[in-house]
């Protein structure tokens, strides 16, 4: 979380970090975030289960599921749950940049004239 937060800050992103599901949902309900990175393993819970709840709180949120334990099955589950990306650790800083830039471009294109 700390390394990803630092990388995002270096890209000029405002970053808030949550330590658990409740913290993430509270933040998503409180502010209109553009992008969320969530880990597949959230203690005893699955990050995939958090995706629909985050999207219910913020329908325009782009959700990226990250994991050190990737599989095709979990990638499919994440995308079906509404994740826009599925990334395996370690995350390359160039991949983080590409995700942030793609998200910003999609928002720019979707914005009303």
PDB file of N, CA and C in Angstrom:
ATOM      1  N   UNK A   1       0.836  -1.189   0.000  1.00  0.00           N
ATOM      2  CA  UNK A   1       0.000   0.000   0.000  1.00  0.00           C
ATOM      3  C   UNK A   1       0.878   1.249   0.000  1.00  0.00           C
ATOM      4  N   UNK A   2       1.908   1.245   0.823  1.00  0.00           N
ATOM      5  CA  UNK A   2       2.773   2.423   0.904  1.00  0.00           C
ATOM      6  C   UNK A   2       3.535   2.667  -0.396  1.00  0.00           C
ATOM      7  N   UNK A   3       4.047   1.596  -0.990  1.00  0.00           N
ATOM      8  CA  UNK A   3       4.787   1.736  -2.243  1.00  0.00           C
ATOM      9  C   UNK A   3       3.894   2.214  -3.380  1.00  0.00           C
ATOM     10  N   UNK A   4       2.707   1.667  -3.466  1.00  0.00           N
ATOM     11  CA  UNK A   4       1.768   2.088  -4.507  1.00  0.00           C
ATOM     12  C   UNK A   4       1.345   3.530  -4.282  1.00  0.00           C
ATOM     13  N   UNK A   5       1.087   3.895  -3.038  1.00  0.00           N
ATOM     14  CA  UNK A   5       0.710   5.278  -2.717  1.00  0.00           C
ATOM     15  C   UNK A   5       1.813   6.244  -3.138  1.00  0.00           C
ATOM     16  N   UNK A   6       3.063   5.894  -2.838  1.00  0.00           N
ATOM     17  CA  UNK A   6       4.194   6.751  -3.208  1.00  0.00           C
ATOM     18  C   UNK A   6       4.306   6.890  -4.722  1.00  0.00           C
ATOM     19  N   UNK A   7       4.135   5.785  -5.438  1.00  0.00           N
ATOM     20  CA  UNK A   7       4.218   5.831  -6.903  1.00  0.00           C
ATOM     21  C   UNK A   7       3.112   6.706  -7.485  1.00  0.00           C
ATOM     22  N   UNK A   8       1.921   6.604  -6.936  1.00  0.00           N
ATOM     23  CA  UNK A   8       0.811   7.421  -7.423  1.00  0.00           C
ATOM     24  C   UNK A   8       1.035   8.902  -7.122  1.00  0.00           C
ATOM     25  N   UNK A   9       1.569   9.194  -5.951  1.00  0.00           N
ATOM     26  CA  UNK A   9       1.875  10.593  -5.611  1.00  0.00           C
ATOM     27  C   UNK A   9       2.921  11.170  -6.568  1.00  0.00           C
ATOM     28  N   UNK A  10       3.891  10.359  -6.941  1.00  0.00           N
ATOM     29  CA  UNK A  10       4.921  10.819  -7.886  1.00  0.00           C
ATOM     30  C   UNK A  10       4.322  11.146  -9.250  1.00  0.00           C
ATOM     31  N   UNK A  11       3.183  10.545  -9.552  1.00  0.00           N
ATOM     32  CA  UNK A  11       2.488  10.835 -10.816  1.00  0.00           C
ATOM     33  C   UNK A  11       1.560  12.043 -10.683  1.00  0.00           C
ATOM     34  N   UNK A  12       1.532  12.636  -9.493  1.00  0.00           N
ATOM     35  CA  UNK A  12       0.690  13.806  -9.279  1.00  0.00           C
ATOM     36  C   UNK A  12      -0.708  13.496  -8.797  1.00  0.00           C
ATOM     37  N   UNK A  13      -0.948  12.262  -8.400  1.00  0.00           N
ATOM     38  CA  UNK A  13      -2.272  11.856  -7.922  1.00  0.00           C
ATOM     39  C   UNK A  13      -2.441  12.217  -6.449  1.00  0.00           C
ATOM     40  N   UNK A  14      -3.649  12.594  -6.086  1.00  0.00           N
ATOM     41  CA  UNK A  14      -3.983  12.718  -4.674  1.00  0.00           C
ATOM     42  C   UNK A  14      -4.322  11.316  -4.192  1.00  0.00           C
ATOM     43  N   UNK A  15      -3.750  10.912  -3.089  1.00  0.00           N
ATOM     44  CA  UNK A  15      -3.895   9.535  -2.639  1.00  0.00           C
ATOM     45  C   UNK A  15      -4.444   9.493  -1.224  1.00  0.00           C
ATOM     46  N   UNK A  16      -5.447   8.667  -1.017  1.00  0.00           N
ATOM     47  CA  UNK A  16      -5.940   8.314   0.304  1.00  0.00           C
ATOM     48  C   UNK A  16      -5.845   6.804   0.396  1.00  0.00           C
ATOM     49  N   UNK A  17      -5.389   6.303   1.513  1.00  0.00           N
ATOM     50  CA  UNK A  17      -5.251   4.856   1.694  1.00  0.00           C
ATOM     51  C   UNK A  17      -6.158   4.384   2.819  1.00  0.00           C
ATOM     52  N   UNK A  18      -6.760   3.247   2.603  1.00  0.00           N
ATOM     53  CA  UNK A  18      -7.612   2.630   3.622  1.00  0.00           C
ATOM     54  C   UNK A  18      -6.987   1.308   4.024  1.00  0.00           C
ATOM     55  N   UNK A  19      -7.126   0.976   5.288  1.00  0.00           N
ATOM     56  CA  UNK A  19      -6.529  -0.258   5.790  1.00  0.00           C
ATOM     57  C   UNK A  19      -7.457  -1.449   5.710  1.00  0.00           C
ATOM     58  N   UNK A  20      -8.749  -1.201   5.473  1.00  0.00           N
ATOM     59  CA  UNK A  20      -9.697  -2.311   5.453  1.00  0.00           C
ATOM     60  C   UNK A  20     -10.924  -1.954   4.616  1.00  0.00           C
ATOM     61  N   UNK A  21     -11.822  -2.908   4.504  1.00  0.00           N
ATOM     62  CA  UNK A  21     -13.032  -2.756   3.698  1.00  0.00           C
ATOM     63  C   UNK A  21     -13.865  -1.565   4.155  1.00  0.00           C
ATOM     64  N   UNK A  22     -14.077  -1.449   5.454  1.00  0.00           N
ATOM     65  CA  UNK A  22     -14.922  -0.373   5.975  1.00  0.00           C
ATOM     66  C   UNK A  22     -14.319   0.993   5.665  1.00  0.00           C
ATOM     67  N   UNK A  23     -13.014   1.098   5.813  1.00  0.00           N
ATOM     68  CA  UNK A  23     -12.339   2.354   5.502  1.00  0.00           C
ATOM     69  C   UNK A  23     -12.460   2.721   4.035  1.00  0.00           C
ATOM     70  N   UNK A  24     -12.305   1.726   3.167  1.00  0.00           N
ATOM     71  CA  UNK A  24     -12.427   1.971   1.726  1.00  0.00           C
ATOM     72  C   UNK A  24     -13.847   2.403   1.363  1.00  0.00           C
ATOM     73  N   UNK A  25     -14.831   1.716   1.925  1.00  0.00           N
ATOM     74  CA  UNK A  25     -16.220   2.074   1.623  1.00  0.00           C
ATOM     75  C   UNK A  25     -16.572   3.452   2.166  1.00  0.00           C
ATOM     76  N   UNK A  26     -16.088   3.785   3.351  1.00  0.00           N
ATOM     77  CA  UNK A  26     -16.336   5.098   3.918  1.00  0.00           C
ATOM     78  C   UNK A  26     -15.768   6.202   3.048  1.00  0.00           C
ATOM     79  N   UNK A  27     -14.569   5.990   2.534  1.00  0.00           N
ATOM     80  CA  UNK A  27     -13.966   6.983   1.650  1.00  0.00           C
ATOM     81  C   UNK A  27     -14.740   7.078   0.331  1.00  0.00           C
ATOM     82  N   UNK A  28     -15.129   5.944  -0.220  1.00  0.00           N
ATOM     83  CA  UNK A  28     -15.856   5.944  -1.495  1.00  0.00           C
ATOM     84  C   UNK A  28     -17.209   6.632  -1.369  1.00  0.00           C
ATOM     85  N   UNK A  29     -17.831   6.504  -0.225  1.00  0.00           N
ATOM     86  CA  UNK A  29     -19.122   7.158  -0.010  1.00  0.00           C
ATOM     87  C   UNK A  29     -18.962   8.658   0.228  1.00  0.00           C
ATOM     88  N   UNK A  30     -17.786   9.043   0.740  1.00  0.00           N
ATOM     89  CA  UNK A  30     -17.582  10.430   1.133  1.00  0.00           C
ATOM     90  C   UNK A  30     -17.111  11.350   0.026  1.00  0.00           C
ATOM     91  N   UNK A  31     -16.396  10.818  -0.956  1.00  0.00           N
ATOM     92  CA  UNK A  31     -15.837  11.653  -2.013  1.00  0.00           C
ATOM     93  C   UNK A  31     -15.910  10.927  -3.353  1.00  0.00           C
ATOM     94  N   UNK A  32     -15.984  11.687  -4.438  1.00  0.00           N
ATOM     95  CA  UNK A  32     -16.047  11.068  -5.773  1.00  0.00           C
ATOM     96  C   UNK A  32     -14.659  10.747  -6.333  1.00  0.00           C
ATOM     97  N   UNK A  33     -14.066   9.676  -5.878  1.00  0.00           N
ATOM     98  CA  UNK A  33     -12.761   9.264  -6.375  1.00  0.00           C
ATOM     99  C   UNK A  33     -12.868   8.792  -7.818  1.00  0.00           C
ATOM    100  N   UNK A  34     -11.739   8.904  -8.533  1.00  0.00           N
ATOM    101  CA  UNK A  34     -11.677   8.452  -9.920  1.00  0.00           C
ATOM    102  C   UNK A  34     -11.193   7.014 -10.036  1.00  0.00           C
ATOM    103  N   UNK A  35     -10.298   6.619  -9.150  1.00  0.00           N
ATOM    104  CA  UNK A  35      -9.594   5.352  -9.305  1.00  0.00           C
ATOM    105  C   UNK A  35      -9.338   4.733  -7.940  1.00  0.00           C
ATOM    106  N   UNK A  36      -9.521   3.429  -7.848  1.00  0.00           N
ATOM    107  CA  UNK A  36      -9.241   2.710  -6.604  1.00  0.00           C
ATOM    108  C   UNK A  36      -8.417   1.473  -6.924  1.00  0.00           C
ATOM    109  N   UNK A  37      -7.350   1.285  -6.173  1.00  0.00           N
ATOM    110  CA  UNK A  37      -6.544   0.075  -6.250  1.00  0.00           C
ATOM    111  C   UNK A  37      -6.875  -0.732  -5.006  1.00  0.00           C
ATOM    112  N   UNK A  38      -7.333  -1.969  -5.189  1.00  0.00           N
ATOM    113  CA  UNK A  38      -7.634  -2.817  -4.032  1.00  0.00           C
ATOM    114  C   UNK A  38      -6.924  -4.157  -4.191  1.00  0.00           C
ATOM    115  N   UNK A  39      -6.478  -4.670  -3.067  1.00  0.00           N
ATOM    116  CA  UNK A  39      -5.774  -5.944  -3.084  1.00  0.00           C
ATOM    117  C   UNK A  39      -6.786  -7.080  -3.124  1.00  0.00           C
ATOM    118  N   UNK A  40      -6.435  -8.145  -3.795  1.00  0.00           N
ATOM    119  CA  UNK A  40      -7.298  -9.319  -3.855  1.00  0.00           C
ATOM    120  C   UNK A  40      -7.475  -9.933  -2.470  1.00  0.00           C
ATOM    121  N   UNK A  41      -6.424  -9.890  -1.658  1.00  0.00           N
ATOM    122  CA  UNK A  41      -6.471 -10.483  -0.328  1.00  0.00           C
ATOM    123  C   UNK A  41      -6.624  -9.373   0.713  1.00  0.00           C
ATOM    124  N   UNK A  42      -7.787  -9.300   1.319  1.00  0.00           N
ATOM    125  CA  UNK A  42      -8.068  -8.300   2.353  1.00  0.00           C
ATOM    126  C   UNK A  42      -8.285  -9.026   3.672  1.00  0.00           C
ATOM    127  N   UNK A  43      -7.214  -9.500   4.247  1.00  0.00           N
ATOM    128  CA  UNK A  43      -7.336 -10.286   5.465  1.00  0.00           C
ATOM    129  C   UNK A  43      -8.087 -11.573   5.178  1.00  0.00           C
ATOM    130  N   UNK A  44      -9.231 -11.744   5.824  1.00  0.00           N
ATOM    131  CA  UNK A  44     -10.055 -12.935   5.604  1.00  0.00           C
ATOM    132  C   UNK A  44     -11.037 -12.762   4.461  1.00  0.00           C
ATOM    133  N   UNK A  45     -11.046 -11.587   3.840  1.00  0.00           N
ATOM    134  CA  UNK A  45     -12.007 -11.302   2.779  1.00  0.00           C
ATOM    135  C   UNK A  45     -11.312 -11.225   1.426  1.00  0.00           C
ATOM    136  N   UNK A  46     -12.133 -11.281   0.393  1.00  0.00           N
ATOM    137  CA  UNK A  46     -11.639 -11.138  -0.966  1.00  0.00           C
ATOM    138  C   UNK A  46     -11.895  -9.717  -1.453  1.00  0.00           C
ATOM    139  N   UNK A  47     -10.878  -9.125  -2.065  1.00  0.00           N
ATOM    140  CA  UNK A  47     -11.046  -7.803  -2.657  1.00  0.00           C
ATOM    141  C   UNK A  47     -12.086  -7.803  -3.750  1.00  0.00           C
ATOM    142  N   UNK A  48     -12.270  -8.940  -4.416  1.00  0.00           N
ATOM    143  CA  UNK A  48     -13.290  -9.038  -5.466  1.00  0.00           C
ATOM    144  C   UNK A  48     -14.673  -8.750  -4.884  1.00  0.00           C
ATOM    145  N   UNK A  49     -14.919  -9.186  -3.649  1.00  0.00           N
ATOM    146  CA  UNK A  49     -16.213  -8.939  -3.015  1.00  0.00           C
ATOM    147  C   UNK A  49     -16.426  -7.463  -2.693  1.00  0.00           C
ATOM    148  N   UNK A  50     -15.344  -6.693  -2.600  1.00  0.00           N
ATOM    149  CA  UNK A  50     -15.431  -5.270  -2.313  1.00  0.00           C
ATOM    150  C   UNK A  50     -15.782  -4.458  -3.561  1.00  0.00           C
ATOM    151  N   UNK A  51     -15.460  -4.969  -4.734  1.00  0.00           N
ATOM    152  CA  UNK A  51     -15.662  -4.213  -5.979  1.00  0.00           C
ATOM    153  C   UNK A  51     -17.107  -3.747  -6.149  1.00  0.00           C
ATOM    154  N   UNK A  52     -18.124  -4.619  -6.076  1.00  0.00           N
ATOM    155  CA  UNK A  52     -19.497  -4.142  -6.267  1.00  0.00           C
ATOM    156  C   UNK A  52     -19.929  -3.103  -5.230  1.00  0.00           C
ATOM    157  N   UNK A  53     -19.456  -3.251  -4.003  1.00  0.00           N
ATOM    158  CA  UNK A  53     -19.808  -2.289  -2.961  1.00  0.00           C
ATOM    159  C   UNK A  53     -19.191  -0.922  -3.261  1.00  0.00           C
ATOM    160  N   UNK A  54     -17.957  -0.903  -3.733  1.00  0.00           N
ATOM    161  CA  UNK A  54     -17.325   0.362  -4.104  1.00  0.00           C
ATOM    162  C   UNK A  54     -18.054   1.012  -5.269  1.00  0.00           C
ATOM    163  N   UNK A  55     -18.440   0.203  -6.235  1.00  0.00           N
ATOM    164  CA  UNK A  55     -19.150   0.747  -7.400  1.00  0.00           C
ATOM    165  C   UNK A  55     -20.549   1.226  -7.042  1.00  0.00           C
ATOM    166  N   UNK A  56     -21.185   0.589  -6.066  1.00  0.00           N
ATOM    167  CA  UNK A  56     -22.490   1.063  -5.594  1.00  0.00           C
ATOM    168  C   UNK A  56     -22.344   2.425  -4.929  1.00  0.00           C
ATOM    169  N   UNK A  57     -21.233   2.629  -4.217  1.00  0.00           N
ATOM    170  CA  UNK A  57     -20.985   3.910  -3.551  1.00  0.00           C
ATOM    171  C   UNK A  57     -20.544   4.984  -4.542  1.00  0.00           C
ATOM    172  N   UNK A  58     -19.874   4.580  -5.605  1.00  0.00           N
ATOM    173  CA  UNK A  58     -19.347   5.513  -6.598  1.00  0.00           C
ATOM    174  C   UNK A  58     -19.359   4.832  -7.971  1.00  0.00           C
ATOM    175  N   UNK A  59     -20.469   4.940  -8.707  1.00  0.00           N
ATOM    176  CA  UNK A  59     -20.620   4.220  -9.970  1.00  0.00           C
ATOM    177  C   UNK A  59     -19.590   4.562 -11.041  1.00  0.00           C
ATOM    178  N   UNK A  60     -18.960   5.719 -10.965  1.00  0.00           N
ATOM    179  CA  UNK A  60     -17.976   6.119 -11.978  1.00  0.00           C
ATOM    180  C   UNK A  60     -16.543   5.746 -11.609  1.00  0.00           C
ATOM    181  N   UNK A  61     -16.384   5.039 -10.524  1.00  0.00           N
ATOM    182  CA  UNK A  61     -15.065   4.658 -10.044  1.00  0.00           C
ATOM    183  C   UNK A  61     -14.447   3.605 -10.960  1.00  0.00           C
ATOM    184  N   UNK A  62     -13.173   3.771 -11.274  1.00  0.00           N
ATOM    185  CA  UNK A  62     -12.413   2.738 -11.967  1.00  0.00           C
ATOM    186  C   UNK A  62     -11.695   1.942 -10.889  1.00  0.00           C
ATOM    187  N   UNK A  63     -11.927   0.635 -10.852  1.00  0.00           N
ATOM    188  CA  UNK A  63     -11.366  -0.217  -9.805  1.00  0.00           C
ATOM    189  C   UNK A  63     -10.310  -1.138 -10.401  1.00  0.00           C
ATOM    190  N   UNK A  64      -9.144  -1.139  -9.775  1.00  0.00           N
ATOM    191  CA  UNK A  64      -8.046  -2.002 -10.183  1.00  0.00           C
ATOM    192  C   UNK A  64      -7.796  -2.995  -9.052  1.00  0.00           C
ATOM    193  N   UNK A  65      -7.905  -4.275  -9.356  1.00  0.00           N
ATOM    194  CA  UNK A  65      -7.625  -5.325  -8.382  1.00  0.00           C
ATOM    195  C   UNK A  65      -6.177  -5.751  -8.582  1.00  0.00           C
ATOM    196  N   UNK A  66      -5.416  -5.731  -7.481  1.00  0.00           N
ATOM    197  CA  UNK A  66      -4.015  -6.136  -7.538  1.00  0.00           C
ATOM    198  C   UNK A  66      -3.817  -7.379  -6.676  1.00  0.00           C
ATOM    199  N   UNK A  67      -2.868  -8.222  -7.085  1.00  0.00           N
ATOM    200  CA  UNK A  67      -2.654  -9.456  -6.333  1.00  0.00           C
ATOM    201  C   UNK A  67      -1.274 -10.042  -6.578  1.00  0.00           C
ATOM    202  N   UNK A  68      -0.802 -10.742  -5.587  1.00  0.00           N
ATOM    203  CA  UNK A  68       0.416 -11.530  -5.730  1.00  0.00           C
ATOM    204  C   UNK A  68       0.058 -12.985  -6.059  1.00  0.00           C
ATOM    205  N   UNK A  69      -1.232 -13.287  -6.006  1.00  0.00           N
ATOM    206  CA  UNK A  69      -1.705 -14.663  -6.184  1.00  0.00           C
ATOM    207  C   UNK A  69      -2.663 -14.752  -7.364  1.00  0.00           C
ATOM    208  N   UNK A  70      -2.255 -14.255  -8.513  1.00  0.00           N
ATOM    209  CA  UNK A  70      -3.137 -14.166  -9.664  1.00  0.00           C
ATOM    210  C   UNK A  70      -3.422 -15.487 -10.331  1.00  0.00           C
ATOM    211  N   UNK A  71      -4.613 -15.549 -10.885  1.00  0.00           N
ATOM    212  CA  UNK A  71      -5.005 -16.692 -11.694  1.00  0.00           C
ATOM    213  C   UNK A  71      -6.040 -16.201 -12.695  1.00  0.00           C
ATOM    214  N   UNK A  72      -6.250 -16.984 -13.717  1.00  0.00           N
ATOM    215  CA  UNK A  72      -7.262 -16.623 -14.708  1.00  0.00           C
ATOM    216  C   UNK A  72      -8.631 -16.571 -14.044  1.00  0.00           C
ATOM    217  N   UNK A  73      -8.894 -17.488 -13.146  1.00  0.00           N
ATOM    218  CA  UNK A  73     -10.189 -17.540 -12.455  1.00  0.00           C
ATOM    219  C   UNK A  73     -10.457 -16.262 -11.662  1.00  0.00           C
ATOM    220  N   UNK A  74      -9.468 -15.819 -10.887  1.00  0.00           N
ATOM    221  CA  UNK A  74      -9.694 -14.605 -10.092  1.00  0.00           C
ATOM    222  C   UNK A  74      -9.751 -13.367 -10.979  1.00  0.00           C
ATOM    223  N   UNK A  75      -9.021 -13.371 -12.077  1.00  0.00           N
ATOM    224  CA  UNK A  75      -9.096 -12.242 -13.010  1.00  0.00           C
ATOM    225  C   UNK A  75     -10.501 -12.139 -13.599  1.00  0.00           C
ATOM    226  N   UNK A  76     -11.061 -13.267 -13.993  1.00  0.00           N
ATOM    227  CA  UNK A  76     -12.423 -13.282 -14.539  1.00  0.00           C
ATOM    228  C   UNK A  76     -13.422 -12.836 -13.479  1.00  0.00           C
ATOM    229  N   UNK A  77     -13.265 -13.314 -12.258  1.00  0.00           N
ATOM    230  CA  UNK A  77     -14.161 -12.905 -11.166  1.00  0.00           C
ATOM    231  C   UNK A  77     -14.082 -11.396 -10.934  1.00  0.00           C
ATOM    232  N   UNK A  78     -12.881 -10.848 -10.944  1.00  0.00           N
ATOM    233  CA  UNK A  78     -12.709  -9.413 -10.712  1.00  0.00           C
ATOM    234  C   UNK A  78     -13.390  -8.590 -11.795  1.00  0.00           C
ATOM    235  N   UNK A  79     -13.204  -8.983 -13.046  1.00  0.00           N
ATOM    236  CA  UNK A  79     -13.813  -8.250 -14.155  1.00  0.00           C
ATOM    237  C   UNK A  79     -15.334  -8.392 -14.125  1.00  0.00           C
ATOM    238  N   UNK A  80     -15.834  -9.576 -13.847  1.00  0.00           N
ATOM    239  CA  UNK A  80     -17.285  -9.771 -13.735  1.00  0.00           C
ATOM    240  C   UNK A  80     -17.872  -8.942 -12.601  1.00  0.00           C
ATOM    241  N   UNK A  81     -17.090  -8.724 -11.539  1.00  0.00           N
ATOM    242  CA  UNK A  81     -17.552  -7.926 -10.404  1.00  0.00           C
ATOM    243  C   UNK A  81     -17.549  -6.433 -10.727  1.00  0.00           C
ATOM    244  N   UNK A  82     -16.853  -6.053 -11.819  1.00  0.00           N
ATOM    245  CA  UNK A  82     -16.846  -4.651 -12.227  1.00  0.00           C
ATOM    246  C   UNK A  82     -15.482  -3.988 -12.245  1.00  0.00           C
ATOM    247  N   UNK A  83     -14.419  -4.735 -11.930  1.00  0.00           N
ATOM    248  CA  UNK A  83     -13.075  -4.156 -11.978  1.00  0.00           C
ATOM    249  C   UNK A  83     -12.711  -3.806 -13.415  1.00  0.00           C
ATOM    250  N   UNK A  84     -12.008  -2.689 -13.576  1.00  0.00           N
ATOM    251  CA  UNK A  84     -11.579  -2.283 -14.913  1.00  0.00           C
ATOM    252  C   UNK A  84     -10.209  -2.854 -15.264  1.00  0.00           C
ATOM    253  N   UNK A  85      -9.457  -3.247 -14.241  1.00  0.00           N
ATOM    254  CA  UNK A  85      -8.116  -3.798 -14.450  1.00  0.00           C
ATOM    255  C   UNK A  85      -7.852  -4.875 -13.403  1.00  0.00           C
ATOM    256  N   UNK A  86      -6.935  -5.770 -13.746  1.00  0.00           N
ATOM    257  CA  UNK A  86      -6.467  -6.821 -12.839  1.00  0.00           C
ATOM    258  C   UNK A  86      -4.967  -6.899 -13.042  1.00  0.00           C
ATOM    259  N   UNK A  87      -4.204  -6.641 -11.989  1.00  0.00           N
ATOM    260  CA  UNK A  87      -2.759  -6.523 -12.123  1.00  0.00           C
ATOM    261  C   UNK A  87      -2.064  -7.412 -11.104  1.00  0.00           C
ATOM    262  N   UNK A  88      -1.045  -8.121 -11.566  1.00  0.00           N
ATOM    263  CA  UNK A  88      -0.265  -8.959 -10.656  1.00  0.00           C
ATOM    264  C   UNK A  88       0.916  -8.186 -10.101  1.00  0.00           C
ATOM    265  N   UNK A  89       1.231  -8.451  -8.821  1.00  0.00           N
ATOM    266  CA  UNK A  89       2.398  -7.869  -8.167  1.00  0.00           C
ATOM    267  C   UNK A  89       3.638  -8.636  -8.604  1.00  0.00           C
ATOM    268  N   UNK A  90       4.785  -8.037  -8.584  1.00  0.00           N
ATOM    269  CA  UNK A  90       5.009  -6.626  -8.307  1.00  0.00           C
ATOM    270  C   UNK A  90       4.519  -5.782  -9.480  1.00  0.00           C
ATOM    271  N   UNK A  91       3.986  -4.625  -9.156  1.00  0.00           N
ATOM    272  CA  UNK A  91       3.441  -3.746 -10.191  1.00  0.00           C
ATOM    273  C   UNK A  91       4.553  -2.852 -10.716  1.00  0.00           C
ATOM    274  N   UNK A  92       4.736  -2.892 -11.988  1.00  0.00           N
ATOM    275  CA  UNK A  92       5.719  -2.060 -12.665  1.00  0.00           C
ATOM    276  C   UNK A  92       5.240  -0.601 -12.625  1.00  0.00           C
ATOM    277  N   UNK A  93       6.093   0.342 -12.244  1.00  0.00           N
ATOM    278  CA  UNK A  93       5.683   1.750 -12.230  1.00  0.00           C
ATOM    279  C   UNK A  93       5.143   2.234 -13.580  1.00  0.00           C
ATOM    280  N   UNK A  94       5.656   1.681 -14.671  1.00  0.00           N
ATOM    281  CA  UNK A  94       5.131   2.058 -15.991  1.00  0.00           C
ATOM    282  C   UNK A  94       3.691   1.584 -16.164  1.00  0.00           C
ATOM    283  N   UNK A  95       3.373   0.446 -15.562  1.00  0.00           N
ATOM    284  CA  UNK A  95       1.997  -0.064 -15.617  1.00  0.00           C
ATOM    285  C   UNK A  95       1.067   0.840 -14.804  1.00  0.00           C
ATOM    286  N   UNK A  96       1.540   1.299 -13.650  1.00  0.00           N
ATOM    287  CA  UNK A  96       0.744   2.223 -12.835  1.00  0.00           C
ATOM    288  C   UNK A  96       0.468   3.489 -13.632  1.00  0.00           C
ATOM    289  N   UNK A  97       1.499   4.036 -14.259  1.00  0.00           N
ATOM    290  CA  UNK A  97       1.328   5.241 -15.079  1.00  0.00           C
ATOM    291  C   UNK A  97       0.312   4.999 -16.192  1.00  0.00           C
ATOM    292  N   UNK A  98       0.418   3.871 -16.870  1.00  0.00           N
ATOM    293  CA  UNK A  98      -0.503   3.566 -17.960  1.00  0.00           C
ATOM    294  C   UNK A  98      -1.946   3.475 -17.454  1.00  0.00           C
ATOM    295  N   UNK A  99      -2.149   2.862 -16.301  1.00  0.00           N
ATOM    296  CA  UNK A  99      -3.494   2.739 -15.730  1.00  0.00           C
ATOM    297  C   UNK A  99      -4.060   4.114 -15.398  1.00  0.00           C
ATOM    298  N   UNK A 100      -3.248   4.954 -14.750  1.00  0.00           N
ATOM    299  CA  UNK A 100      -3.694   6.305 -14.382  1.00  0.00           C
ATOM    300  C   UNK A 100      -4.010   7.113 -15.640  1.00  0.00           C
ATOM    301  N   UNK A 101      -3.142   7.065 -16.618  1.00  0.00           N
ATOM    302  CA  UNK A 101      -3.367   7.833 -17.849  1.00  0.00           C
ATOM    303  C   UNK A 101      -4.588   7.337 -18.611  1.00  0.00           C
ATOM    304  N   UNK A 102      -4.774   6.022 -18.677  1.00  0.00           N
ATOM    305  CA  UNK A 102      -5.940   5.469 -19.376  1.00  0.00           C
ATOM    306  C   UNK A 102      -7.229   5.872 -18.668  1.00  0.00           C
ATOM    307  N   UNK A 103      -7.237   5.822 -17.357  1.00  0.00           N
ATOM    308  CA  UNK A 103      -8.410   6.214 -16.590  1.00  0.00           C
ATOM    309  C   UNK A 103      -8.736   7.689 -16.832  1.00  0.00           C
ATOM    310  N   UNK A 104      -7.705   8.540 -16.798  1.00  0.00           N
ATOM    311  CA  UNK A 104      -7.916   9.979 -17.030  1.00  0.00           C
ATOM    312  C   UNK A 104      -8.433  10.231 -18.441  1.00  0.00           C
ATOM    313  N   UNK A 105      -7.899   9.525 -19.412  1.00  0.00           N
ATOM    314  CA  UNK A 105      -8.346   9.706 -20.802  1.00  0.00           C
ATOM    315  C   UNK A 105      -9.793   9.245 -20.979  1.00  0.00           C
ATOM    316  N   UNK A 106     -10.155   8.127 -20.378  1.00  0.00           N
ATOM    317  CA  UNK A 106     -11.540   7.654 -20.474  1.00  0.00           C
ATOM    318  C   UNK A 106     -12.497   8.661 -19.849  1.00  0.00           C
ATOM    319  N   UNK A 107     -12.110   9.259 -18.742  1.00  0.00           N
ATOM    320  CA  UNK A 107     -12.948  10.281 -18.104  1.00  0.00           C
ATOM    321  C   UNK A 107     -13.052  11.520 -18.977  1.00  0.00           C
ATOM    322  N   UNK A 108     -11.932  11.913 -19.594  1.00  0.00           N
ATOM    323  CA  UNK A 108     -11.944  13.070 -20.465  1.00  0.00           C
ATOM    324  C   UNK A 108     -12.872  12.856 -21.658  1.00  0.00           C
ATOM    325  N   UNK A 109     -12.809  11.673 -22.243  1.00  0.00           N
ATOM    326  CA  UNK A 109     -13.653  11.368 -23.397  1.00  0.00           C
ATOM    327  C   UNK A 109     -15.127  11.259 -23.029  1.00  0.00           C
ATOM    328  N   UNK A 110     -15.406  10.830 -21.816  1.00  0.00           N
ATOM    329  CA  UNK A 110     -16.796  10.666 -21.358  1.00  0.00           C
ATOM    330  C   UNK A 110     -17.412  11.975 -20.858  1.00  0.00           C
ATOM    331  N   UNK A 111     -16.569  12.984 -20.631  1.00  0.00           N
ATOM    332  CA  UNK A 111     -17.082  14.254 -20.081  1.00  0.00           C
ATOM    333  C   UNK A 111     -17.967  14.944 -21.113  1.00  0.00           C
ATOM    334  N   UNK A 112     -19.041  15.571 -20.627  1.00  0.00           N
ATOM    335  CA  UNK A 112     -19.899  16.324 -21.551  1.00  0.00           C
ATOM    336  C   UNK A 112     -19.148  17.523 -22.137  1.00  0.00           C
ATOM    337  N   UNK A 113     -19.502  17.900 -23.304  1.00  0.00           N
ATOM    338  CA  UNK A 113     -18.830  19.016 -23.995  1.00  0.00           C
ATOM    339  C   UNK A 113     -19.018  20.236 -23.233  1.00  0.00           C
TER     340      UNK A 113
END
